[in-house]
Each structure stands twice: as structure tokens, then as C-alpha cells.
Amino acid sequence: MKAIFEFNLPEDQEEFEIYRNSTRLYIAVEDFKNWLRSEIKHGEKPDKEREIYEYVRDKLIDMLE
């Protein structure tokens, strides 16, 4: 199976840039999610700070769904 994405440049420049950078953006989001998880699980943070990390992680996951 093949997928071919076609853009009419320069009209579709913004969509092209989004597509072109999508892998890097995906990796950055996954890295951030994993960092939050690690900080919550292994970080020695005060309870209030841990709650903020959990809130941010949960909000990020909700937004991605």
C-alpha cells in the first residue's frame, strides 16, 4: 500500500509545512508526555507540584484524543 500526499505550492505552503514537520512534532509530544510521567513517578516533588504535573499530563492526553 502506498500513500502519496500532494500539495499545490505555494497555495498549500502552510499545510505542507505541517505535514513536513509532523514526525518531529509527534516525537516532541511523546517525549514531553514521557518526561511528565517520569517526573510524576520518580521525581521528588512536593505533592502540589506533582498534582500540577499530573494535571498537565492528563490535559495533554485529553487533547491528543
C-alpha atoms as a PDB file:
ATOM      1  CA  MET A   1       0.000   0.000   0.000  1.00  0.00           C
ATOM      2  CA  LYS A   2       1.244   3.456  -0.865  1.00  0.00           C
ATOM      3  CA  ALA A   3       0.094   6.870   0.182  1.00  0.00           C
ATOM      4  CA  ILE A   4       1.009   9.934  -1.805  1.00  0.00           C
ATOM      5  CA  PHE A   5       0.480  13.401  -0.423  1.00  0.00           C
ATOM      6  CA  GLU A   6       0.298  16.142  -2.981  1.00  0.00           C
ATOM      7  CA  PHE A   7       0.432  19.872  -2.339  1.00  0.00           C
ATOM      8  CA  ASN A   8      -0.091  22.800  -4.659  1.00  0.00           C
ATOM      9  CA  LEU A   9       2.686  25.175  -3.686  1.00  0.00           C
ATOM     10  CA  PRO A  10       2.778  27.991  -2.801  1.00  0.00           C
ATOM     11  CA  GLU A  11      -1.001  27.934  -2.111  1.00  0.00           C
ATOM     12  CA  ASP A  12      -0.731  24.937   0.259  1.00  0.00           C
ATOM     13  CA  GLN A  13       2.539  26.001   1.884  1.00  0.00           C
ATOM     14  CA  GLU A  14       1.123  26.004   5.443  1.00  0.00           C
ATOM     15  CA  GLU A  15      -0.374  22.514   5.083  1.00  0.00           C
ATOM     16  CA  PHE A  16       2.876  21.302   3.522  1.00  0.00           C
ATOM     17  CA  GLU A  17       4.910  22.638   6.471  1.00  0.00           C
ATOM     18  CA  ILE A  18       2.575  20.931   8.949  1.00  0.00           C
ATOM     19  CA  TYR A  19       2.935  17.631   7.089  1.00  0.00           C
ATOM     20  CA  ARG A  20       6.691  18.028   6.729  1.00  0.00           C
ATOM     21  CA  ASN A  21       7.150  18.670  10.463  1.00  0.00           C
ATOM     22  CA  SER A  22       4.561  16.209  11.748  1.00  0.00           C
ATOM     23  CA  THR A  23       7.048  13.473  12.709  1.00  0.00           C
ATOM     24  CA  ARG A  24       9.188  15.894  14.723  1.00  0.00           C
ATOM     25  CA  LEU A  25       6.099  17.310  16.415  1.00  0.00           C
ATOM     26  CA  TYR A  26       4.839  13.805  17.247  1.00  0.00           C
ATOM     27  CA  ILE A  27       8.199  12.842  18.755  1.00  0.00           C
ATOM     28  CA  ALA A  28       8.324  16.080  20.784  1.00  0.00           C
ATOM     29  CA  VAL A  29       4.839  15.467  22.209  1.00  0.00           C
ATOM     30  CA  GLU A  30       5.681  11.858  23.082  1.00  0.00           C
ATOM     31  CA  ASP A  31       8.948  12.949  24.721  1.00  0.00           C
ATOM     32  CA  PHE A  32       7.069  15.573  26.752  1.00  0.00           C
ATOM     33  CA  LYS A  33       4.455  13.007  27.827  1.00  0.00           C
ATOM     34  CA  ASN A  34       7.194  10.589  28.896  1.00  0.00           C
ATOM     35  CA  TRP A  35       9.062  13.339  30.750  1.00  0.00           C
ATOM     36  CA  LEU A  36       5.894  14.261  32.661  1.00  0.00           C
ATOM     37  CA  ARG A  37       5.319  10.603  33.515  1.00  0.00           C
ATOM     38  CA  SER A  38       8.883  10.236  34.760  1.00  0.00           C
ATOM     39  CA  GLU A  39       8.660  13.407  36.870  1.00  0.00           C
ATOM     40  CA  ILE A  40       5.397  12.190  38.424  1.00  0.00           C
ATOM     41  CA  LYS A  41       6.657   8.675  39.079  1.00  0.00           C
ATOM     42  CA  HIS A  42      10.299   9.252  40.035  1.00  0.00           C
ATOM     43  CA  GLY A  43      10.682  12.954  40.718  1.00  0.00           C
ATOM     44  CA  GLU A  44      10.988  14.083  44.291  1.00  0.00           C
ATOM     45  CA  LYS A  45       8.480  16.889  44.119  1.00  0.00           C
ATOM     46  CA  PRO A  46       6.161  18.382  46.726  1.00  0.00           C
ATOM     47  CA  ASP A  47       2.613  16.997  46.466  1.00  0.00           C
ATOM     48  CA  LYS A  48       1.214  20.221  44.997  1.00  0.00           C
ATOM     49  CA  GLU A  49       3.839  20.272  42.236  1.00  0.00           C
ATOM     50  CA  ARG A  50       3.188  16.592  41.440  1.00  0.00           C
ATOM     51  CA  GLU A  51      -0.526  17.387  41.152  1.00  0.00           C
ATOM     52  CA  ILE A  52       0.254  20.112  38.616  1.00  0.00           C
ATOM     53  CA  TYR A  53       2.375  17.699  36.563  1.00  0.00           C
ATOM     54  CA  GLU A  54      -0.468  15.162  36.657  1.00  0.00           C
ATOM     55  CA  TYR A  55      -2.981  17.802  35.592  1.00  0.00           C
ATOM     56  CA  VAL A  56      -0.797  18.885  32.654  1.00  0.00           C
ATOM     57  CA  ARG A  57      -0.216  15.267  31.591  1.00  0.00           C
ATOM     58  CA  ASP A  58      -3.935  14.440  31.789  1.00  0.00           C
ATOM     59  CA  LYS A  59      -4.859  17.587  29.859  1.00  0.00           C
ATOM     60  CA  LEU A  60      -2.296  16.764  27.149  1.00  0.00           C
ATOM     61  CA  ILE A  61      -3.626  13.218  26.811  1.00  0.00           C
ATOM     62  CA  ASP A  62      -7.204  14.530  26.596  1.00  0.00           C
ATOM     63  CA  MET A  63      -6.226  16.990  23.888  1.00  0.00           C
ATOM     64  CA  LEU A  64      -4.478  14.280  21.865  1.00  0.00           C
ATOM     65  CA  GLU A  65      -7.539  12.054  21.967  1.00  0.00           C
END
